N, C-alpha and C. Protein backbone atom coordinates (compact mmCIF):
# COMPACT_ATOMS: atom_id res chain seq x y z
N MET A 1 103.43 135.12 78.72
CA MET A 1 103.94 133.83 78.34
C MET A 1 103.45 133.42 76.87
N LEU A 2 104.22 132.91 76.02
CA LEU A 2 103.82 132.47 74.75
C LEU A 2 102.75 131.26 74.76
N ASP A 3 101.83 131.45 74.07
CA ASP A 3 100.66 130.51 73.85
C ASP A 3 101.01 129.60 72.74
N LEU A 4 101.63 128.39 73.08
CA LEU A 4 102.19 127.45 72.07
C LEU A 4 101.09 126.83 71.15
N ALA A 5 99.81 126.89 71.62
CA ALA A 5 98.70 126.54 70.70
C ALA A 5 98.41 127.40 69.55
N THR A 6 98.81 128.72 69.72
CA THR A 6 98.53 129.51 68.52
C THR A 6 99.77 130.30 68.16
N VAL A 7 100.86 130.02 68.55
CA VAL A 7 102.12 130.64 68.17
C VAL A 7 102.50 130.45 66.72
N ARG A 8 103.00 131.44 66.03
CA ARG A 8 103.25 131.28 64.68
C ARG A 8 104.76 131.27 64.35
N CYS A 9 105.07 130.75 63.12
CA CYS A 9 106.52 130.70 62.74
C CYS A 9 107.22 132.05 62.87
N GLU A 10 106.52 133.12 62.59
CA GLU A 10 107.13 134.53 62.43
C GLU A 10 107.56 134.87 63.77
N GLU A 11 106.97 134.51 64.82
CA GLU A 11 107.30 134.85 66.31
C GLU A 11 108.60 134.30 66.56
N PHE A 12 108.81 133.06 66.10
CA PHE A 12 110.05 132.48 66.37
C PHE A 12 111.19 132.95 65.41
N ALA A 13 110.74 133.30 64.16
CA ALA A 13 111.77 133.67 63.14
C ALA A 13 112.46 135.06 63.57
N ALA A 14 111.63 135.83 64.30
CA ALA A 14 112.22 137.07 64.86
C ALA A 14 113.37 136.77 65.83
N CYS A 15 113.57 135.62 66.33
CA CYS A 15 114.61 135.21 67.26
C CYS A 15 115.60 134.25 66.65
N LEU A 16 115.79 134.22 65.31
CA LEU A 16 116.84 133.32 64.72
C LEU A 16 118.12 133.94 65.16
N ASP A 17 119.14 132.91 65.39
CA ASP A 17 120.48 133.17 65.74
C ASP A 17 120.52 133.61 67.19
N GLN A 18 119.41 133.61 67.91
CA GLN A 18 119.50 134.03 69.24
C GLN A 18 119.46 132.73 70.19
N ASP A 19 120.00 133.08 71.35
CA ASP A 19 120.12 131.89 72.38
C ASP A 19 118.76 131.65 73.13
N PHE A 20 118.49 130.43 73.28
CA PHE A 20 117.47 129.84 74.13
C PHE A 20 118.15 128.98 75.16
N GLU A 21 117.46 128.61 76.26
CA GLU A 21 117.93 127.70 77.24
C GLU A 21 117.06 126.57 77.43
N VAL A 22 117.50 125.44 77.53
CA VAL A 22 116.62 124.24 78.00
C VAL A 22 117.03 124.20 79.40
N VAL A 23 115.86 124.03 80.15
CA VAL A 23 116.09 124.19 81.69
C VAL A 23 115.83 122.87 82.41
N PHE A 24 116.80 122.44 83.11
CA PHE A 24 116.93 121.15 83.86
C PHE A 24 116.96 121.51 85.32
N SER A 25 116.50 120.47 86.10
CA SER A 25 116.56 120.86 87.56
C SER A 25 117.91 121.20 88.10
N ASP A 26 119.08 120.79 87.47
CA ASP A 26 120.42 121.04 88.03
C ASP A 26 121.19 122.10 87.11
N GLY A 27 120.48 122.74 86.22
CA GLY A 27 121.11 123.84 85.40
C GLY A 27 120.51 123.99 84.00
N THR A 28 121.06 124.67 83.03
CA THR A 28 120.53 124.91 81.72
C THR A 28 121.43 124.56 80.69
N LEU A 29 120.95 124.23 79.59
CA LEU A 29 121.81 123.99 78.32
C LEU A 29 121.50 125.15 77.41
N PRO A 30 122.40 125.98 76.90
CA PRO A 30 122.24 126.84 75.92
C PRO A 30 122.22 126.29 74.57
N VAL A 31 121.07 126.72 73.86
CA VAL A 31 120.95 126.38 72.42
C VAL A 31 120.63 127.42 71.63
N LYS A 32 121.02 127.45 70.28
CA LYS A 32 120.63 128.58 69.38
C LYS A 32 119.73 128.16 68.51
N LEU A 33 118.64 129.22 68.23
CA LEU A 33 117.77 128.82 67.16
C LEU A 33 118.35 129.15 65.78
N THR A 34 118.48 128.10 65.04
CA THR A 34 119.20 128.38 63.70
C THR A 34 118.29 128.36 62.59
N GLU A 35 116.95 127.81 62.72
CA GLU A 35 115.96 127.76 61.79
C GLU A 35 114.59 127.86 62.14
N ALA A 36 113.72 128.53 61.34
CA ALA A 36 112.28 128.53 61.73
C ALA A 36 111.67 128.49 60.32
N ARG A 37 111.12 127.24 59.97
CA ARG A 37 110.71 127.14 58.47
C ARG A 37 109.16 126.68 58.51
N PRO A 38 108.43 127.29 57.60
CA PRO A 38 107.13 126.79 57.41
C PRO A 38 107.12 125.42 56.78
N LEU A 39 106.10 124.72 57.03
CA LEU A 39 105.98 123.26 56.52
C LEU A 39 104.68 123.10 55.47
N GLY A 40 104.10 124.23 55.11
CA GLY A 40 103.08 124.22 54.34
C GLY A 40 101.69 124.13 55.04
N SER A 41 100.73 124.79 54.41
CA SER A 41 99.43 124.96 55.19
C SER A 41 98.60 123.65 55.05
N ARG A 42 97.69 123.56 56.16
CA ARG A 42 96.84 122.46 56.18
C ARG A 42 95.43 123.18 56.54
N PRO A 43 94.45 122.82 55.82
CA PRO A 43 93.21 123.51 56.09
C PRO A 43 92.57 123.25 57.53
N GLU A 44 92.87 122.06 58.10
CA GLU A 44 92.40 121.77 59.37
C GLU A 44 93.21 122.42 60.56
N SER A 45 94.32 123.08 60.22
CA SER A 45 95.24 123.66 61.29
C SER A 45 94.70 125.01 61.71
N ILE A 46 94.90 125.32 62.91
CA ILE A 46 94.64 126.74 63.33
C ILE A 46 95.71 127.71 62.93
N ARG A 47 96.81 127.16 62.45
CA ARG A 47 98.06 127.96 62.00
C ARG A 47 98.59 127.14 60.85
N GLU A 48 99.59 127.77 60.17
CA GLU A 48 100.39 127.16 59.33
C GLU A 48 101.44 126.22 60.18
N PRO A 49 101.50 124.96 59.92
CA PRO A 49 102.73 124.24 60.61
C PRO A 49 104.03 124.72 60.29
N PHE A 50 104.92 124.55 61.22
CA PHE A 50 106.25 125.04 60.99
C PHE A 50 107.24 124.14 61.98
N ALA A 51 108.54 124.34 61.64
CA ALA A 51 109.50 123.54 62.52
C ALA A 51 110.56 124.43 62.83
N LEU A 52 111.19 124.18 63.97
CA LEU A 52 112.34 124.95 64.55
C LEU A 52 113.43 124.11 64.67
N THR A 53 114.70 124.69 64.46
CA THR A 53 115.81 123.82 64.47
C THR A 53 116.67 124.49 65.54
N PHE A 54 117.21 123.80 66.62
CA PHE A 54 118.10 124.38 67.69
C PHE A 54 119.42 123.57 67.65
N VAL A 55 120.49 124.36 67.82
CA VAL A 55 121.74 123.67 67.89
C VAL A 55 122.53 124.03 69.20
N ALA A 56 122.94 122.88 69.88
CA ALA A 56 123.69 123.09 71.01
C ALA A 56 125.23 122.88 70.82
N GLY A 57 125.95 123.88 71.31
CA GLY A 57 127.39 123.92 70.87
C GLY A 57 128.32 122.78 71.51
N ARG A 58 127.60 121.60 71.75
CA ARG A 58 128.55 120.59 72.30
C ARG A 58 127.80 119.32 72.04
N PRO A 59 128.56 118.13 71.89
CA PRO A 59 127.95 116.93 71.51
C PRO A 59 127.21 116.24 72.83
N LEU A 60 126.06 115.94 72.65
CA LEU A 60 125.35 115.33 73.69
C LEU A 60 124.14 114.59 73.17
N ARG A 61 123.48 113.71 73.86
CA ARG A 61 122.32 113.07 73.51
C ARG A 61 121.23 113.37 74.59
N LEU A 62 120.16 113.73 74.04
CA LEU A 62 118.89 113.92 74.90
C LEU A 62 117.83 113.08 74.18
N PRO A 63 117.16 112.41 75.15
CA PRO A 63 115.96 111.62 74.60
C PRO A 63 114.87 112.63 74.18
N GLN A 64 114.11 112.19 73.12
CA GLN A 64 113.06 113.03 72.70
C GLN A 64 112.03 113.10 73.94
N GLY A 65 111.46 114.38 73.88
CA GLY A 65 110.48 114.54 75.09
C GLY A 65 110.29 116.05 75.09
N THR A 66 109.51 116.39 76.07
CA THR A 66 109.05 117.84 76.28
C THR A 66 110.07 118.31 77.28
N TYR A 67 110.62 119.60 76.86
CA TYR A 67 111.61 120.17 77.69
C TYR A 67 111.17 121.64 77.99
N LYS A 68 111.37 122.08 79.14
CA LYS A 68 111.23 123.46 79.45
C LYS A 68 112.28 124.37 78.79
N MET A 69 111.81 125.37 78.16
CA MET A 69 112.89 126.24 77.49
C MET A 69 112.54 127.61 77.89
N ARG A 70 113.51 128.54 77.69
CA ARG A 70 113.39 129.91 78.07
C ARG A 70 114.11 130.82 77.13
N HIS A 71 113.50 131.94 76.83
CA HIS A 71 114.05 132.95 75.89
C HIS A 71 113.87 134.33 76.47
N PRO A 72 114.79 135.24 76.41
CA PRO A 72 114.69 136.49 77.07
C PRO A 72 113.41 137.24 76.69
N ASN A 73 112.98 137.25 75.43
CA ASN A 73 111.80 137.92 74.84
C ASN A 73 110.58 137.12 74.98
N LEU A 74 110.57 135.80 74.60
CA LEU A 74 109.47 134.96 74.45
C LEU A 74 109.05 134.41 75.78
N GLY A 75 110.01 134.36 76.80
CA GLY A 75 109.59 133.83 78.00
C GLY A 75 109.87 132.20 78.16
N GLU A 76 109.14 131.67 79.08
CA GLU A 76 109.28 130.15 79.26
C GLU A 76 108.26 129.48 78.46
N MET A 77 108.56 128.26 77.95
CA MET A 77 107.67 127.44 77.28
C MET A 77 108.13 126.09 77.47
N GLU A 78 107.19 125.11 77.10
CA GLU A 78 107.50 123.77 76.97
C GLU A 78 107.39 123.25 75.71
N ILE A 79 108.47 122.66 75.13
CA ILE A 79 108.54 122.34 73.69
C ILE A 79 109.01 120.81 73.64
N PHE A 80 108.34 120.12 72.84
CA PHE A 80 108.78 118.59 72.44
C PHE A 80 109.90 118.69 71.55
N LEU A 81 111.04 118.24 71.90
CA LEU A 81 112.33 118.21 71.06
C LEU A 81 112.56 116.81 70.63
N VAL A 82 113.13 116.72 69.38
CA VAL A 82 113.56 115.49 68.84
C VAL A 82 115.02 115.76 68.42
N GLN A 83 115.86 114.94 68.85
CA GLN A 83 117.37 115.13 68.36
C GLN A 83 117.45 114.54 66.88
N LEU A 84 118.02 115.43 66.04
CA LEU A 84 118.28 115.08 64.65
C LEU A 84 119.65 114.55 64.37
N ALA A 85 120.58 115.15 65.17
CA ALA A 85 122.08 114.80 64.82
C ALA A 85 122.92 115.14 66.02
N ALA A 86 124.09 114.54 66.08
CA ALA A 86 125.18 114.95 66.97
C ALA A 86 126.51 114.52 66.43
N ASP A 87 127.40 115.56 66.48
CA ASP A 87 128.76 115.03 65.98
C ASP A 87 129.86 115.52 66.97
N ALA A 88 131.02 115.69 66.73
CA ALA A 88 132.14 115.93 67.73
C ALA A 88 131.89 117.36 68.35
N THR A 89 131.20 118.22 67.78
CA THR A 89 131.17 119.56 68.25
C THR A 89 129.82 120.21 68.62
N SER A 90 128.79 119.44 68.06
CA SER A 90 127.42 120.01 68.33
C SER A 90 126.34 119.06 68.29
N SER A 91 125.17 119.41 68.63
CA SER A 91 123.96 118.45 68.82
C SER A 91 122.81 119.42 68.05
N THR A 92 121.98 118.71 67.28
CA THR A 92 120.87 119.46 66.62
C THR A 92 119.55 118.80 67.08
N PHE A 93 118.65 119.74 67.38
CA PHE A 93 117.21 119.12 67.83
C PHE A 93 116.14 119.96 67.04
N GLU A 94 115.11 119.43 66.87
CA GLU A 94 113.83 119.96 66.05
C GLU A 94 112.67 119.86 66.97
N ALA A 95 111.84 120.94 66.61
CA ALA A 95 110.53 121.00 67.30
C ALA A 95 109.54 121.31 66.13
N VAL A 96 108.45 120.55 66.02
CA VAL A 96 107.46 120.69 64.96
C VAL A 96 106.19 121.19 65.61
N PHE A 97 105.63 122.15 64.99
CA PHE A 97 104.24 122.61 65.51
C PHE A 97 103.35 122.47 64.31
N ASN A 98 102.20 121.75 64.58
CA ASN A 98 101.17 121.45 63.63
C ASN A 98 100.01 122.37 63.81
């Protein structure tokens, strides 16, 4: 399982344009990892901060919070997601790692 305390941007960047699942008690929501970008170094961090952008192929609203996610290679993880946008065809979420 992925150690989110020490995971690096490069580990997610290797999964760009791949499907992840947000796992709910009654099913899953497929989302695609569309961006993994560094946020600049901070001397007090154990890693360089980075942000991930996920896109769901349908319009929906999710409250910001920690969600269980799954990827075939990275396994299961719990990630804090914030919704950035939603339009008639998709929804965009961001996760920031400091």
